[in-house]
Structures are given as structure tokens and as C-alpha cells.
Amino acid sequence: MSNRPGLAALRGALGDRRRNLVALVLVVVPVALAVIVGSRVALYGAALAAFVVWMAWFVLTAVDWLERADF
């Protein structure tokens, strides 16, 4: 067991490039489309989508961190 198992597990969970890239794309595409459309409803929908993606990313990363951690 290492001296800082939680920190090492956090680095591993945050280092999942695929999950990070998918989340980034799922946020950028709706925001870009909403900016192109230019309506307030589209911007609200894009902000809502970004929030949902961020929450999903947060939960998946937290679950991954807990699975990796050796407390």
C-alpha cells in the first residue's frame, strides 16, 4: 500500500483521456451549434446539456476514483 493511495487513484481517474475527450466534445458541439443558431433557447439548451455532461463526467470520475483507491 502506498503512502498516498487516494492521490494516486485520483491521478489515474482524472487521466482517462477518452472520458475527458468525449465529455469535451459533448459540451463543445452543442455550445457551438447554439452560438451559430443564436437564439436564447438554443443557448439555454446548450448550457443545460453542458451541465448534464459535466455531472455525468463528475460521477463517472468519482466512481473510477473510488474503484482505484486503496484506503
Protein backbone atom coordinates (compact mmCIF):
# COMPACT_ATOMS: atom_id res chain seq x y z
CA MET A 1 0.00 0.00 0.00
CA SER A 2 1.39 3.39 -0.96
CA ASN A 3 1.59 6.39 1.34
CA ARG A 4 -0.96 8.36 -0.70
CA PRO A 5 -3.35 5.87 -2.29
CA GLY A 6 -6.14 8.39 -2.73
CA LEU A 7 -3.97 10.83 -4.66
CA ALA A 8 -2.60 8.13 -6.95
CA ALA A 9 -6.13 6.87 -7.60
CA LEU A 10 -7.29 10.42 -8.34
CA ARG A 11 -4.48 10.92 -10.84
CA GLY A 12 -5.46 7.68 -12.53
CA ALA A 13 -9.16 8.57 -12.62
CA LEU A 14 -8.50 12.04 -13.99
CA GLY A 15 -6.06 10.65 -16.54
CA ASP A 16 -8.77 8.84 -18.52
CA ARG A 17 -8.25 10.72 -21.79
CA ARG A 18 -11.12 9.02 -23.58
CA ARG A 19 -13.70 10.04 -20.97
CA ASN A 20 -12.31 13.58 -20.87
CA LEU A 21 -12.33 13.93 -24.66
CA VAL A 22 -15.88 12.59 -25.01
CA ALA A 23 -17.10 14.99 -22.33
CA LEU A 24 -15.34 17.89 -24.01
CA VAL A 25 -16.87 17.08 -27.40
CA LEU A 26 -20.32 16.65 -25.86
CA VAL A 27 -20.04 20.13 -24.38
CA VAL A 28 -18.38 21.99 -27.25
CA VAL A 29 -20.63 20.76 -30.07
CA PRO A 30 -23.97 21.90 -28.56
CA VAL A 31 -22.46 25.21 -27.47
CA ALA A 32 -21.05 25.81 -30.96
CA LEU A 33 -24.38 24.95 -32.56
CA ALA A 34 -26.22 27.24 -30.14
CA VAL A 35 -23.85 30.09 -30.93
CA ILE A 36 -24.41 29.54 -34.64
CA VAL A 37 -28.20 29.49 -34.19
CA GLY A 38 -28.02 32.45 -31.84
CA SER A 39 -31.31 32.03 -30.01
CA ARG A 40 -31.66 32.23 -26.26
CA VAL A 41 -33.49 28.91 -26.18
CA ALA A 42 -30.62 27.20 -28.02
CA LEU A 43 -28.09 28.73 -25.62
CA TYR A 44 -30.16 27.59 -22.63
CA GLY A 45 -30.38 24.08 -24.07
CA ALA A 46 -26.63 24.02 -24.68
CA ALA A 47 -25.96 25.19 -21.13
CA LEU A 48 -28.29 22.51 -19.80
CA ALA A 49 -26.57 19.87 -21.92
CA ALA A 50 -23.16 21.08 -20.69
CA PHE A 51 -24.34 20.79 -17.08
CA VAL A 52 -25.66 17.26 -17.62
CA VAL A 53 -22.41 16.18 -19.28
CA TRP A 54 -20.35 17.74 -16.51
CA MET A 55 -22.38 15.96 -13.84
CA ALA A 56 -22.09 12.63 -15.66
CA TRP A 57 -18.34 13.16 -16.06
CA PHE A 58 -18.04 14.02 -12.37
CA VAL A 59 -19.95 10.93 -11.22
CA LEU A 60 -18.06 8.58 -13.57
CA THR A 61 -14.73 10.03 -12.46
CA ALA A 62 -15.68 9.74 -8.78
CA VAL A 63 -16.74 6.11 -9.22
CA ASP A 64 -13.49 5.37 -11.05
CA TRP A 65 -11.52 7.07 -8.27
CA LEU A 66 -13.29 5.03 -5.59
CA GLU A 67 -12.65 1.80 -7.51
CA ARG A 68 -8.93 2.60 -7.85
CA ALA A 69 -8.38 3.87 -4.31
CA ASP A 70 -6.87 1.55 -1.70
CA PHE A 71 -7.83 3.17 1.58
